[in-house]
Amino acid sequence: MADITRRLGWRHLRGAPTAHIRHHRGGKLLHDGPGLSFWFRALTAALSEVPVDDRELAMTFRARTSDFQDVAVQATVTYRIGDPALAAARMDFSIDPDTGVWRGAPLEQLGTLLTETAQQHALDVLARTPLSSALVDGVTAVRERVAAGLDAEPRLPATGIEVVAVRVMALRPEPEVERALRTPAHEQIQQEADRATYERRAVAVERERTIAENELASQIELARREEQLVEQRGTNARREAEEHAAADAVRAEAEATRSVRLARAEAEGVRAVGDAKAQAQAAWLKVHEDVEVATLHALTGTRLAENLPNIDSLTISPDVLTGLLAKLGAREPE
């Protein structure tokens, strides 16, 4: 929108660089170009402002495929006015000299023209395409067809409009159809997820089984080694007992041999002593066999006296002395 100010019955217009201003007075073109700034009288001026920048036109419309399914098309057309003079001559871009506002709605007219033209070509290509193909390749097909159709549309160059680009963002079916189409894919995804879950569980179970088998094998190996250890301990104990028994037998045999030898030595010693005593006794008897009896009695008394205990003192009581004297007195008459 142009910037217009008032000064003492005059008006001053200052346009933007992206706005093409055309100023007529009395049917003559006085100013023509973008970004102009000039003074004018409101009663005699005819002004028009044509935007020359790129404009984005978003459109959404419904179409039907060859299998009678409704789809929603979301597209954007980028355009610009390449010939402002032609556009101002074909459409009403005049502005109020007091406010600078368009008197009509030229951009809405351009939008309607572009939308209807693009919609016509999109409907034509979708009407020959089934829904499944439209959802897969319909975006590219619709974009190419709409772009070709807009380039071939004669009304656009005749109005001074140039199409810069066409974009198709989405082709979407009805919500019920979309849910129905999503169901197989959703089920397939769910099946893949379930399969992955089952595979993870199977792997986990297999790992647990492997771990359990390893633990069992370890326990079996440990039990086998314990059995070998017990058997080895028994063998060692049996061997130790046998060695102890053999040592005890050797020790007992040696002790018995020593005892026998000692007994034999003692017996021989006793026998030798006995023989010596017997020989001494025989010699003693032989010495005394020719001695007189009185001499033997004397020797006997001597030997008896040698064996009597020593008498340090002898006490004779009167009773003993009286008895002895009586015995001696009784023997004298004989």
C-alpha atoms as a PDB file:
ATOM      1  CA  MET A   1       0.000   0.000   0.000  1.00  0.00           C
ATOM      2  CA  ALA A   2       1.322   3.409  -1.020  1.00  0.00           C
ATOM      3  CA  ASP A   3       2.102   6.039   1.626  1.00  0.00           C
ATOM      4  CA  ILE A   4       0.079   9.196   0.929  1.00  0.00           C
ATOM      5  CA  THR A   5       0.302  12.421   2.962  1.00  0.00           C
ATOM      6  CA  ARG A   6      -1.665  15.695   2.687  1.00  0.00           C
ATOM      7  CA  ARG A   7      -0.219  19.219   2.362  1.00  0.00           C
ATOM      8  CA  LEU A   8      -2.521  22.204   1.649  1.00  0.00           C
ATOM      9  CA  GLY A   9      -4.714  20.499  -0.943  1.00  0.00           C
ATOM     10  CA  TRP A  10      -1.859  18.560  -2.422  1.00  0.00           C
ATOM     11  CA  ARG A  11      -1.053  14.926  -1.913  1.00  0.00           C
ATOM     12  CA  HIS A  12       2.354  13.305  -1.757  1.00  0.00           C
ATOM     13  CA  LEU A  13       2.726   9.648  -2.714  1.00  0.00           C
ATOM     14  CA  ARG A  14       5.693   7.503  -1.774  1.00  0.00           C
ATOM     15  CA  GLY A  15       5.709   4.016  -3.207  1.00  0.00           C
ATOM     16  CA  ALA A  16       7.647   0.872  -2.191  1.00  0.00           C
ATOM     17  CA  PRO A  17      10.395  -0.598  -4.366  1.00  0.00           C
ATOM     18  CA  THR A  18       8.226  -3.685  -4.945  1.00  0.00           C
ATOM     19  CA  ALA A  19       5.181  -1.663  -6.037  1.00  0.00           C
ATOM     20  CA  HIS A  20       4.785  -0.356  -9.590  1.00  0.00           C
ATOM     21  CA  ILE A  21       2.974   3.029  -9.515  1.00  0.00           C
ATOM     22  CA  ARG A  22       1.094   4.441 -12.511  1.00  0.00           C
ATOM     23  CA  HIS A  23      -0.128   8.071 -12.369  1.00  0.00           C
ATOM     24  CA  HIS A  24      -2.569   9.365 -14.994  1.00  0.00           C
ATOM     25  CA  ARG A  25      -3.971  12.866 -15.251  1.00  0.00           C
ATOM     26  CA  GLY A  26      -6.381  13.827 -17.982  1.00  0.00           C
ATOM     27  CA  GLY A  27      -5.740  10.493 -19.693  1.00  0.00           C
ATOM     28  CA  LYS A  28      -2.007  11.072 -19.838  1.00  0.00           C
ATOM     29  CA  LEU A  29       0.548   8.888 -18.069  1.00  0.00           C
ATOM     30  CA  LEU A  30       2.695  11.164 -15.926  1.00  0.00           C
ATOM     31  CA  HIS A  31       4.515   8.679 -13.674  1.00  0.00           C
ATOM     32  CA  ASP A  32       5.176   5.012 -14.319  1.00  0.00           C
ATOM     33  CA  GLY A  33       7.599   2.815 -12.370  1.00  0.00           C
ATOM     34  CA  PRO A  34       8.404   1.132  -9.037  1.00  0.00           C
ATOM     35  CA  GLY A  35       9.394   3.074  -5.903  1.00  0.00           C
ATOM     36  CA  LEU A  36       8.191   6.501  -7.153  1.00  0.00           C
ATOM     37  CA  SER A  37       7.674   9.581  -5.026  1.00  0.00           C
ATOM     38  CA  PHE A  38       5.759  12.647  -6.310  1.00  0.00           C
ATOM     39  CA  TRP A  39       3.156  15.322  -5.581  1.00  0.00           C
ATOM     40  CA  PHE A  40      -0.319  15.265  -7.152  1.00  0.00           C
ATOM     41  CA  ARG A  41      -3.825  16.665  -6.832  1.00  0.00           C
ATOM     42  CA  ALA A  42      -6.429  14.204  -5.694  1.00  0.00           C
ATOM     43  CA  LEU A  43      -9.233  15.519  -7.868  1.00  0.00           C
ATOM     44  CA  THR A  44      -7.342  15.147 -11.143  1.00  0.00           C
ATOM     45  CA  ALA A  45      -5.124  12.088 -10.470  1.00  0.00           C
ATOM     46  CA  ALA A  46      -5.803   8.475 -11.387  1.00  0.00           C
ATOM     47  CA  LEU A  47      -3.459   6.179  -9.477  1.00  0.00           C
ATOM     48  CA  SER A  48      -2.809   2.453  -9.680  1.00  0.00           C
ATOM     49  CA  GLU A  49      -0.397   0.299  -7.689  1.00  0.00           C
ATOM     50  CA  VAL A  50       0.699  -3.066  -9.059  1.00  0.00           C
ATOM     51  CA  PRO A  51       2.870  -5.305  -6.843  1.00  0.00           C
ATOM     52  CA  VAL A  52       5.832  -6.739  -8.710  1.00  0.00           C
ATOM     53  CA  ASP A  53       7.289  -8.962  -5.984  1.00  0.00           C
ATOM     54  CA  ASP A  54       6.893 -12.766  -5.856  1.00  0.00           C
ATOM     55  CA  ARG A  55       3.632 -13.824  -4.242  1.00  0.00           C
ATOM     56  CA  GLU A  56       2.749 -17.150  -2.620  1.00  0.00           C
ATOM     57  CA  LEU A  57      -0.760 -18.461  -3.233  1.00  0.00           C
ATOM     58  CA  ALA A  58      -1.720 -21.391  -1.016  1.00  0.00           C
ATOM     59  CA  MET A  59      -4.655 -23.463  -2.195  1.00  0.00           C
ATOM     60  CA  THR A  60      -6.536 -26.455  -0.876  1.00  0.00           C
ATOM     61  CA  PHE A  61      -9.179 -28.230  -2.897  1.00  0.00           C
ATOM     62  CA  ARG A  62     -10.801 -31.635  -3.173  1.00  0.00           C
ATOM     63  CA  ALA A  63     -10.592 -34.048  -6.077  1.00  0.00           C
ATOM     64  CA  ARG A  64     -11.839 -37.543  -6.917  1.00  0.00           C
ATOM     65  CA  THR A  65      -9.734 -40.419  -8.181  1.00  0.00           C
ATOM     66  CA  SER A  66     -10.649 -42.934 -10.860  1.00  0.00           C
ATOM     67  CA  ASP A  67     -11.935 -45.364  -8.205  1.00  0.00           C
ATOM     68  CA  PHE A  68     -14.265 -42.667  -6.816  1.00  0.00           C
ATOM     69  CA  GLN A  69     -12.260 -41.838  -3.725  1.00  0.00           C
ATOM     70  CA  ASP A  70     -12.089 -38.254  -2.527  1.00  0.00           C
ATOM     71  CA  VAL A  71      -8.679 -36.759  -1.830  1.00  0.00           C
ATOM     72  CA  ALA A  72      -7.604 -33.371  -0.498  1.00  0.00           C
ATOM     73  CA  VAL A  73      -4.872 -31.551  -2.406  1.00  0.00           C
ATOM     74  CA  GLN A  74      -2.619 -29.002  -0.735  1.00  0.00           C
ATOM     75  CA  ALA A  75      -0.534 -26.920  -3.149  1.00  0.00           C
ATOM     76  CA  THR A  76       1.230 -23.567  -3.389  1.00  0.00           C
ATOM     77  CA  VAL A  77       1.742 -21.470  -6.529  1.00  0.00           C
ATOM     78  CA  THR A  78       4.440 -18.808  -6.616  1.00  0.00           C
ATOM     79  CA  TYR A  79       3.760 -16.055  -9.135  1.00  0.00           C
ATOM     80  CA  ARG A  80       4.564 -12.447  -9.950  1.00  0.00           C
ATOM     81  CA  ILE A  81       3.200  -9.732 -12.216  1.00  0.00           C
ATOM     82  CA  GLY A  82       5.735  -9.442 -15.007  1.00  0.00           C
ATOM     83  CA  ASP A  83       3.920  -6.760 -17.000  1.00  0.00           C
ATOM     84  CA  PRO A  84       2.459  -4.195 -14.578  1.00  0.00           C
ATOM     85  CA  ALA A  85       1.004  -2.028 -17.352  1.00  0.00           C
ATOM     86  CA  LEU A  86      -0.842  -4.977 -18.880  1.00  0.00           C
ATOM     87  CA  ALA A  87      -2.039  -6.155 -15.461  1.00  0.00           C
ATOM     88  CA  ALA A  88      -3.268  -2.633 -14.586  1.00  0.00           C
ATOM     89  CA  ALA A  89      -5.085  -2.483 -17.916  1.00  0.00           C
ATOM     90  CA  ARG A  90      -6.758  -5.891 -17.461  1.00  0.00           C
ATOM     91  CA  MET A  91      -7.528  -5.698 -13.753  1.00  0.00           C
ATOM     92  CA  ASP A  92      -8.466  -2.976 -11.316  1.00  0.00           C
ATOM     93  CA  PHE A  93      -5.310  -2.007  -9.361  1.00  0.00           C
ATOM     94  CA  SER A  94      -6.501   1.582  -8.766  1.00  0.00           C
ATOM     95  CA  ILE A  95      -5.943   3.069  -5.309  1.00  0.00           C
ATOM     96  CA  ASP A  96      -7.723   5.791  -3.342  1.00  0.00           C
ATOM     97  CA  PRO A  97      -5.738   9.061  -3.662  1.00  0.00           C
ATOM     98  CA  ASP A  98      -6.479   9.916  -0.050  1.00  0.00           C
ATOM     99  CA  THR A  99      -5.680   6.574   1.670  1.00  0.00           C
ATOM    100  CA  GLY A 100      -3.597   4.629  -0.853  1.00  0.00           C
ATOM    101  CA  VAL A 101      -5.867   1.568  -0.461  1.00  0.00           C
ATOM    102  CA  TRP A 102      -6.984  -0.482  -3.454  1.00  0.00           C
ATOM    103  CA  ARG A 103     -10.496   0.296  -4.512  1.00  0.00           C
ATOM    104  CA  GLY A 104     -11.099  -3.304  -5.521  1.00  0.00           C
ATOM    105  CA  ALA A 105      -9.581  -6.715  -4.722  1.00  0.00           C
ATOM    106  CA  PRO A 106      -7.231  -7.450  -7.620  1.00  0.00           C
ATOM    107  CA  LEU A 107      -5.101 -10.003  -5.760  1.00  0.00           C
ATOM    108  CA  GLU A 108      -8.191 -12.008  -4.905  1.00  0.00           C
ATOM    109  CA  GLN A 109      -9.120 -12.050  -8.580  1.00  0.00           C
ATOM    110  CA  LEU A 110      -5.608 -13.266  -9.445  1.00  0.00           C
ATOM    111  CA  GLY A 111      -5.842 -15.905  -6.719  1.00  0.00           C
ATOM    112  CA  THR A 112      -9.173 -17.135  -8.029  1.00  0.00           C
ATOM    113  CA  LEU A 113      -7.815 -17.313 -11.565  1.00  0.00           C
ATOM    114  CA  LEU A 114      -4.726 -19.268 -10.524  1.00  0.00           C
ATOM    115  CA  THR A 115      -6.623 -21.540  -8.140  1.00  0.00           C
ATOM    116  CA  GLU A 116      -9.301 -22.474 -10.642  1.00  0.00           C
ATOM    117  CA  THR A 117      -6.743 -23.079 -13.370  1.00  0.00           C
ATOM    118  CA  ALA A 118      -4.526 -25.239 -11.133  1.00  0.00           C
ATOM    119  CA  GLN A 119      -7.547 -27.083  -9.757  1.00  0.00           C
ATOM    120  CA  GLN A 120      -8.799 -27.849 -13.243  1.00  0.00           C
ATOM    121  CA  HIS A 121      -5.543 -29.546 -14.260  1.00  0.00           C
ATOM    122  CA  ALA A 122      -5.199 -31.369 -10.915  1.00  0.00           C
ATOM    123  CA  LEU A 123      -8.738 -32.730 -11.172  1.00  0.00           C
ATOM    124  CA  ASP A 124      -8.044 -33.861 -14.705  1.00  0.00           C
ATOM    125  CA  VAL A 125      -4.947 -35.905 -13.783  1.00  0.00           C
ATOM    126  CA  LEU A 126      -6.451 -37.354 -10.579  1.00  0.00           C
ATOM    127  CA  ALA A 127      -9.629 -38.417 -12.351  1.00  0.00           C
ATOM    128  CA  ARG A 128      -7.519 -40.845 -14.389  1.00  0.00           C
ATOM    129  CA  THR A 129      -5.487 -42.150 -11.454  1.00  0.00           C
ATOM    130  CA  PRO A 130      -6.579 -44.748  -8.864  1.00  0.00           C
ATOM    131  CA  LEU A 131      -6.216 -43.893  -5.197  1.00  0.00           C
ATOM    132  CA  SER A 132      -3.290 -46.217  -4.534  1.00  0.00           C
ATOM    133  CA  SER A 133      -1.280 -44.729  -7.418  1.00  0.00           C
ATOM    134  CA  ALA A 134      -2.298 -41.200  -6.466  1.00  0.00           C
ATOM    135  CA  LEU A 135      -1.020 -41.681  -2.927  1.00  0.00           C
ATOM    136  CA  VAL A 136       2.291 -43.064  -4.220  1.00  0.00           C
ATOM    137  CA  ASP A 137       3.031 -40.928  -7.302  1.00  0.00           C
ATOM    138  CA  GLY A 138       0.219 -38.384  -7.277  1.00  0.00           C
ATOM    139  CA  VAL A 139       2.225 -35.508  -5.777  1.00  0.00           C
ATOM    140  CA  THR A 140       4.734 -35.491  -8.627  1.00  0.00           C
ATOM    141  CA  ALA A 141       2.115 -36.081 -11.292  1.00  0.00           C
ATOM    142  CA  VAL A 142      -0.147 -33.312 -10.020  1.00  0.00           C
ATOM    143  CA  ARG A 143       2.739 -30.853  -9.691  1.00  0.00           C
ATOM    144  CA  GLU A 144       3.986 -31.474 -13.213  1.00  0.00           C
ATOM    145  CA  ARG A 145       0.510 -31.330 -14.680  1.00  0.00           C
ATOM    146  CA  VAL A 146      -0.425 -28.117 -12.848  1.00  0.00           C
ATOM    147  CA  ALA A 147       2.857 -26.439 -13.796  1.00  0.00           C
ATOM    148  CA  ALA A 148       2.412 -27.412 -17.451  1.00  0.00           C
ATOM    149  CA  GLY A 149      -1.194 -26.322 -17.405  1.00  0.00           C
ATOM    150  CA  LEU A 150      -0.403 -22.902 -15.916  1.00  0.00           C
ATOM    151  CA  ASP A 151       2.390 -22.346 -18.433  1.00  0.00           C
ATOM    152  CA  ALA A 152      -0.010 -23.171 -21.270  1.00  0.00           C
ATOM    153  CA  GLU A 153      -2.899 -21.110 -19.908  1.00  0.00           C
ATOM    154  CA  PRO A 154      -3.370 -18.116 -22.274  1.00  0.00           C
ATOM    155  CA  ARG A 155      -5.153 -15.931 -19.747  1.00  0.00           C
ATOM    156  CA  LEU A 156      -2.105 -15.616 -17.524  1.00  0.00           C
ATOM    157  CA  PRO A 157       0.266 -13.994 -20.036  1.00  0.00           C
ATOM    158  CA  ALA A 158      -2.625 -11.910 -21.293  1.00  0.00           C
ATOM    159  CA  THR A 159      -3.013 -10.578 -17.760  1.00  0.00           C
ATOM    160  CA  GLY A 160       0.735 -10.020 -17.317  1.00  0.00           C
ATOM    161  CA  ILE A 161       1.151 -12.889 -14.791  1.00  0.00           C
ATOM    162  CA  GLU A 162       4.198 -15.145 -14.681  1.00  0.00           C
ATOM    163  CA  VAL A 163       4.184 -18.451 -12.750  1.00  0.00           C
ATOM    164  CA  VAL A 164       7.478 -18.933 -10.904  1.00  0.00           C
ATOM    165  CA  ALA A 165       6.977 -22.325  -9.221  1.00  0.00           C
ATOM    166  CA  VAL A 166       4.347 -24.908  -8.315  1.00  0.00           C
ATOM    167  CA  ARG A 167       4.562 -27.054  -5.196  1.00  0.00           C
ATOM    168  CA  VAL A 168       2.216 -29.825  -4.104  1.00  0.00           C
ATOM    169  CA  MET A 169       2.623 -30.585  -0.409  1.00  0.00           C
ATOM    170  CA  ALA A 170       0.145 -33.405   0.169  1.00  0.00           C
ATOM    171  CA  LEU A 171      -2.524 -35.653  -1.254  1.00  0.00           C
ATOM    172  CA  ARG A 172      -4.660 -37.032   1.543  1.00  0.00           C
ATOM    173  CA  PRO A 173      -7.680 -39.311   1.336  1.00  0.00           C
ATOM    174  CA  GLU A 174     -10.754 -39.197   3.555  1.00  0.00           C
ATOM    175  CA  PRO A 175     -10.058 -39.924   7.239  1.00  0.00           C
ATOM    176  CA  GLU A 176     -11.987 -43.225   7.100  1.00  0.00           C
ATOM    177  CA  VAL A 177     -10.130 -44.337   3.979  1.00  0.00           C
ATOM    178  CA  GLU A 178      -6.830 -43.217   5.465  1.00  0.00           C
ATOM    179  CA  ARG A 179      -7.481 -45.254   8.590  1.00  0.00           C
ATOM    180  CA  ALA A 180      -8.424 -48.251   6.448  1.00  0.00           C
ATOM    181  CA  LEU A 181      -5.250 -47.851   4.416  1.00  0.00           C
ATOM    182  CA  ARG A 182      -3.173 -47.474   7.533  1.00  0.00           C
ATOM    183  CA  THR A 183      -4.557 -50.636   9.092  1.00  0.00           C
ATOM    184  CA  PRO A 184      -2.598 -53.199   7.008  1.00  0.00           C
ATOM    185  CA  ALA A 185       0.602 -51.218   7.323  1.00  0.00           C
ATOM    186  CA  HIS A 186      -0.025 -50.746  11.039  1.00  0.00           C
ATOM    187  CA  GLU A 187      -0.711 -54.452  11.455  1.00  0.00           C
ATOM    188  CA  GLN A 188       2.405 -55.304   9.466  1.00  0.00           C
ATOM    189  CA  ILE A 189       4.462 -52.935  11.599  1.00  0.00           C
ATOM    190  CA  GLN A 190       2.876 -54.433  14.708  1.00  0.00           C
ATOM    191  CA  GLN A 191       3.659 -57.920  13.432  1.00  0.00           C
ATOM    192  CA  GLU A 192       7.254 -56.901  12.789  1.00  0.00           C
ATOM    193  CA  ALA A 193       7.418 -55.412  16.270  1.00  0.00           C
ATOM    194  CA  ASP A 194       5.902 -58.577  17.760  1.00  0.00           C
ATOM    195  CA  ARG A 195       8.312 -60.691  15.717  1.00  0.00           C
ATOM    196  CA  ALA A 196      11.211 -58.595  16.925  1.00  0.00           C
ATOM    197  CA  THR A 197       9.899 -58.929  20.494  1.00  0.00           C
ATOM    198  CA  TYR A 198       9.562 -62.699  20.128  1.00  0.00           C
ATOM    199  CA  GLU A 199      13.016 -62.916  18.605  1.00  0.00           C
ATOM    200  CA  ARG A 200      14.445 -60.898  21.487  1.00  0.00           C
ATOM    201  CA  ARG A 201      12.638 -63.150  23.935  1.00  0.00           C
ATOM    202  CA  ALA A 202      13.857 -66.236  22.059  1.00  0.00           C
ATOM    203  CA  VAL A 203      17.390 -64.901  22.121  1.00  0.00           C
ATOM    204  CA  ALA A 204      17.029 -64.110  25.824  1.00  0.00           C
ATOM    205  CA  VAL A 205      15.629 -67.609  26.514  1.00  0.00           C
ATOM    206  CA  GLU A 206      18.434 -69.159  24.460  1.00  0.00           C
ATOM    207  CA  ARG A 207      20.980 -67.144  26.381  1.00  0.00           C
ATOM    208  CA  GLU A 208      19.385 -68.124  29.678  1.00  0.00           C
ATOM    209  CA  ARG A 209      19.405 -71.778  28.550  1.00  0.00           C
ATOM    210  CA  THR A 210      23.050 -71.462  27.562  1.00  0.00           C
ATOM    211  CA  ILE A 211      23.853 -69.884  30.904  1.00  0.00           C
ATOM    212  CA  ALA A 212      21.921 -72.615  32.737  1.00  0.00           C
ATOM    213  CA  GLU A 213      23.706 -75.312  30.718  1.00  0.00           C
ATOM    214  CA  ASN A 214      27.044 -73.709  31.482  1.00  0.00           C
ATOM    215  CA  GLU A 215      26.166 -73.538  35.172  1.00  0.00           C
ATOM    216  CA  LEU A 216      25.023 -77.190  35.102  1.00  0.00           C
ATOM    217  CA  ALA A 217      28.182 -78.215  33.257  1.00  0.00           C
ATOM    218  CA  SER A 218      30.213 -76.282  35.809  1.00  0.00           C
ATOM    219  CA  GLN A 219      28.388 -78.034  38.657  1.00  0.00           C
ATOM    220  CA  ILE A 220      28.892 -81.434  37.001  1.00  0.00           C
ATOM    221  CA  GLU A 221      32.559 -80.698  36.477  1.00  0.00           C
ATOM    222  CA  LEU A 222      32.845 -79.487  40.056  1.00  0.00           C
ATOM    223  CA  ALA A 223      31.106 -82.639  41.346  1.00  0.00           C
ATOM    224  CA  ARG A 224      33.384 -84.808  39.183  1.00  0.00           C
ATOM    225  CA  ARG A 225      36.437 -83.042  40.522  1.00  0.00           C
ATOM    226  CA  GLU A 226      35.101 -83.378  44.084  1.00  0.00           C
ATOM    227  CA  GLU A 227      34.588 -87.101  43.414  1.00  0.00           C
ATOM    228  CA  GLN A 228      38.134 -87.350  42.107  1.00  0.00           C
ATOM    229  CA  LEU A 229      39.321 -85.416  45.145  1.00  0.00           C
ATOM    230  CA  VAL A 230      37.462 -87.751  47.528  1.00  0.00           C
ATOM    231  CA  GLU A 231      38.782 -90.785  45.654  1.00  0.00           C
ATOM    232  CA  GLN A 232      42.297 -89.394  45.729  1.00  0.00           C
ATOM    233  CA  ARG A 233      41.942 -88.598  49.414  1.00  0.00           C
ATOM    234  CA  GLY A 234      40.727 -92.190  50.036  1.00  0.00           C
ATOM    235  CA  THR A 235      43.612 -93.549  48.000  1.00  0.00           C
ATOM    236  CA  ASN A 236      46.029 -91.370  49.907  1.00  0.00           C
ATOM    237  CA  ALA A 237      44.507 -92.392  53.248  1.00  0.00           C
ATOM    238  CA  ARG A 238      44.575 -96.069  52.247  1.00  0.00           C
ATOM    239  CA  ARG A 239      48.143 -95.747  51.085  1.00  0.00           C
ATOM    240  CA  GLU A 240      49.055 -93.911  54.272  1.00  0.00           C
ATOM    241  CA  ALA A 241      47.340 -96.612  56.369  1.00  0.00           C
ATOM    242  CA  GLU A 242      49.134 -99.339  54.425  1.00  0.00           C
ATOM    243  CA  GLU A 243      52.411 -97.549  54.892  1.00  0.00           C
ATOM    244  CA  HIS A 244      51.661 -97.094  58.614  1.00  0.00           C
ATOM    245  CA  ALA A 245      50.681-100.794  58.857  1.00  0.00           C
ATOM    246  CA  ALA A 246      53.822-101.849  57.006  1.00  0.00           C
ATOM    247  CA  ALA A 247      55.888 -99.606  59.254  1.00  0.00           C
ATOM    248  CA  ASP A 248      54.137-101.009  62.321  1.00  0.00           C
ATOM    249  CA  ALA A 249      54.726-104.564  61.053  1.00  0.00           C
ATOM    250  CA  VAL A 250      58.378-103.831  60.446  1.00  0.00           C
ATOM    251  CA  ARG A 251      58.598-102.154  63.821  1.00  0.00           C
ATOM    252  CA  ALA A 252      56.769-105.074  65.541  1.00  0.00           C
ATOM    253  CA  GLU A 253      58.946-107.628  63.738  1.00  0.00           C
ATOM    254  CA  ALA A 254      62.041-105.757  64.770  1.00  0.00           C
ATOM    255  CA  GLU A 255      60.729-105.493  68.317  1.00  0.00           C
ATOM    256  CA  ALA A 256      59.892-109.207  68.371  1.00  0.00           C
ATOM    257  CA  THR A 257      63.298-110.086  66.944  1.00  0.00           C
ATOM    258  CA  ARG A 258      64.944-107.871  69.524  1.00  0.00           C
ATOM    259  CA  SER A 259      62.845-109.428  72.314  1.00  0.00           C
ATOM    260  CA  VAL A 260      63.655-112.913  71.113  1.00  0.00           C
ATOM    261  CA  ARG A 261      67.329-112.067  70.947  1.00  0.00           C
ATOM    262  CA  LEU A 262      67.135-110.443  74.372  1.00  0.00           C
ATOM    263  CA  ALA A 263      65.298-113.446  75.810  1.00  0.00           C
ATOM    264  CA  ARG A 264      67.830-115.754  74.257  1.00  0.00           C
ATOM    265  CA  ALA A 265      70.644-113.682  75.660  1.00  0.00           C
ATOM    266  CA  GLU A 266      69.013-113.629  79.082  1.00  0.00           C
ATOM    267  CA  ALA A 267      68.372-117.371  78.931  1.00  0.00           C
ATOM    268  CA  GLU A 268      71.952-117.991  77.910  1.00  0.00           C
ATOM    269  CA  GLY A 269      73.116-115.724  80.702  1.00  0.00           C
ATOM    270  CA  VAL A 270      70.871-117.455  83.236  1.00  0.00           C
ATOM    271  CA  ARG A 271      72.021-120.816  81.935  1.00  0.00           C
ATOM    272  CA  ALA A 272      75.611-119.715  82.143  1.00  0.00           C
ATOM    273  CA  VAL A 273      75.109-118.387  85.671  1.00  0.00           C
ATOM    274  CA  GLY A 274      73.328-121.583  86.684  1.00  0.00           C
ATOM    275  CA  ASP A 275      76.093-123.687  85.211  1.00  0.00           C
ATOM    276  CA  ALA A 276      78.639-121.577  87.011  1.00  0.00           C
ATOM    277  CA  LYS A 277      76.725-121.870  90.276  1.00  0.00           C
ATOM    278  CA  ALA A 278      76.273-125.586  89.747  1.00  0.00           C
ATOM    279  CA  GLN A 279      79.972-125.962  89.046  1.00  0.00           C
ATOM    280  CA  ALA A 280      80.828-123.857  92.083  1.00  0.00           C
ATOM    281  CA  GLN A 281      78.400-125.834  94.243  1.00  0.00           C
ATOM    282  CA  ALA A 282      79.795-129.078  92.939  1.00  0.00           C
ATOM    283  CA  ALA A 283      83.296-127.899  93.639  1.00  0.00           C
ATOM    284  CA  TRP A 284      82.241-126.720  97.108  1.00  0.00           C
ATOM    285  CA  LEU A 285      80.579-130.035  97.862  1.00  0.00           C
ATOM    286  CA  LYS A 286      83.610-131.885  96.564  1.00  0.00           C
ATOM    287  CA  VAL A 287      85.817-129.864  98.847  1.00  0.00           C
ATOM    288  CA  HIS A 288      83.697-130.695 101.913  1.00  0.00           C
ATOM    289  CA  GLU A 289      82.897-134.298 101.226  1.00  0.00           C
ATOM    290  CA  ASP A 290      86.105-135.479 103.032  1.00  0.00           C
ATOM    291  CA  VAL A 291      85.848-133.063 105.988  1.00  0.00           C
ATOM    292  CA  GLU A 292      84.775-134.293 109.409  1.00  0.00           C
ATOM    293  CA  VAL A 293      81.329-133.636 110.748  1.00  0.00           C
ATOM    294  CA  ALA A 294      82.578-131.521 113.644  1.00  0.00           C
ATOM    295  CA  THR A 295      84.432-129.339 111.210  1.00  0.00           C
ATOM    296  CA  LEU A 296      81.333-128.972 109.103  1.00  0.00           C
ATOM    297  CA  HIS A 297      79.363-127.989 112.193  1.00  0.00           C
ATOM    298  CA  ALA A 298      81.978-125.410 112.990  1.00  0.00           C
ATOM    299  CA  LEU A 299      81.841-124.055 109.493  1.00  0.00           C
ATOM    300  CA  THR A 300      78.063-123.987 109.675  1.00  0.00           C
ATOM    301  CA  GLY A 301      78.131-122.050 112.867  1.00  0.00           C
ATOM    302  CA  THR A 302      80.632-119.686 111.359  1.00  0.00           C
ATOM    303  CA  ARG A 303      78.491-119.122 108.356  1.00  0.00           C
ATOM    304  CA  LEU A 304      75.455-118.681 110.612  1.00  0.00           C
ATOM    305  CA  ALA A 305      77.312-116.225 112.738  1.00  0.00           C
ATOM    306  CA  GLU A 306      78.270-114.300 109.597  1.00  0.00           C
ATOM    307  CA  ASN A 307      74.648-114.002 108.682  1.00  0.00           C
ATOM    308  CA  LEU A 308      73.402-112.953 112.162  1.00  0.00           C
ATOM    309  CA  PRO A 309      72.778-109.285 112.755  1.00  0.00           C
ATOM    310  CA  ASN A 310      75.266-107.264 114.806  1.00  0.00           C
ATOM    311  CA  ILE A 311      74.514-107.162 118.601  1.00  0.00           C
ATOM    312  CA  ASP A 312      75.667-103.906 120.146  1.00  0.00           C
ATOM    313  CA  SER A 313      74.390-104.602 123.651  1.00  0.00           C
ATOM    314  CA  LEU A 314      72.754-107.509 125.481  1.00  0.00           C
ATOM    315  CA  THR A 315      70.444-107.036 128.427  1.00  0.00           C
ATOM    316  CA  ILE A 316      69.716-110.076 130.581  1.00  0.00           C
ATOM    317  CA  SER A 317      66.791-109.693 132.942  1.00  0.00           C
ATOM    318  CA  PRO A 318      66.659-111.484 136.281  1.00  0.00           C
ATOM    319  CA  ASP A 319      63.902-113.750 135.072  1.00  0.00           C
ATOM    320  CA  VAL A 320      66.000-114.936 132.112  1.00  0.00           C
ATOM    321  CA  LEU A 321      69.082-115.330 134.270  1.00  0.00           C
ATOM    322  CA  THR A 322      67.124-117.307 136.874  1.00  0.00           C
ATOM    323  CA  GLY A 323      65.752-119.655 134.201  1.00  0.00           C
ATOM    324  CA  LEU A 324      69.181-120.170 132.672  1.00  0.00           C
ATOM    325  CA  LEU A 325      70.751-120.842 136.034  1.00  0.00           C
ATOM    326  CA  ALA A 326      67.952-123.260 136.811  1.00  0.00           C
ATOM    327  CA  LYS A 327      68.580-125.111 133.545  1.00  0.00           C
ATOM    328  CA  LEU A 328      72.302-125.226 134.176  1.00  0.00           C
ATOM    329  CA  GLY A 329      71.741-126.503 137.731  1.00  0.00           C
ATOM    330  CA  ALA A 330      69.394-129.150 136.453  1.00  0.00           C
ATOM    331  CA  ARG A 331      72.033-130.464 133.954  1.00  0.00           C
ATOM    332  CA  GLU A 332      74.935-130.765 136.464  1.00  0.00           C
ATOM    333  CA  PRO A 333      73.749-134.047 138.245  1.00  0.00           C
ATOM    334  CA  GLU A 334      74.053-135.913 134.938  1.00  0.00           C
END
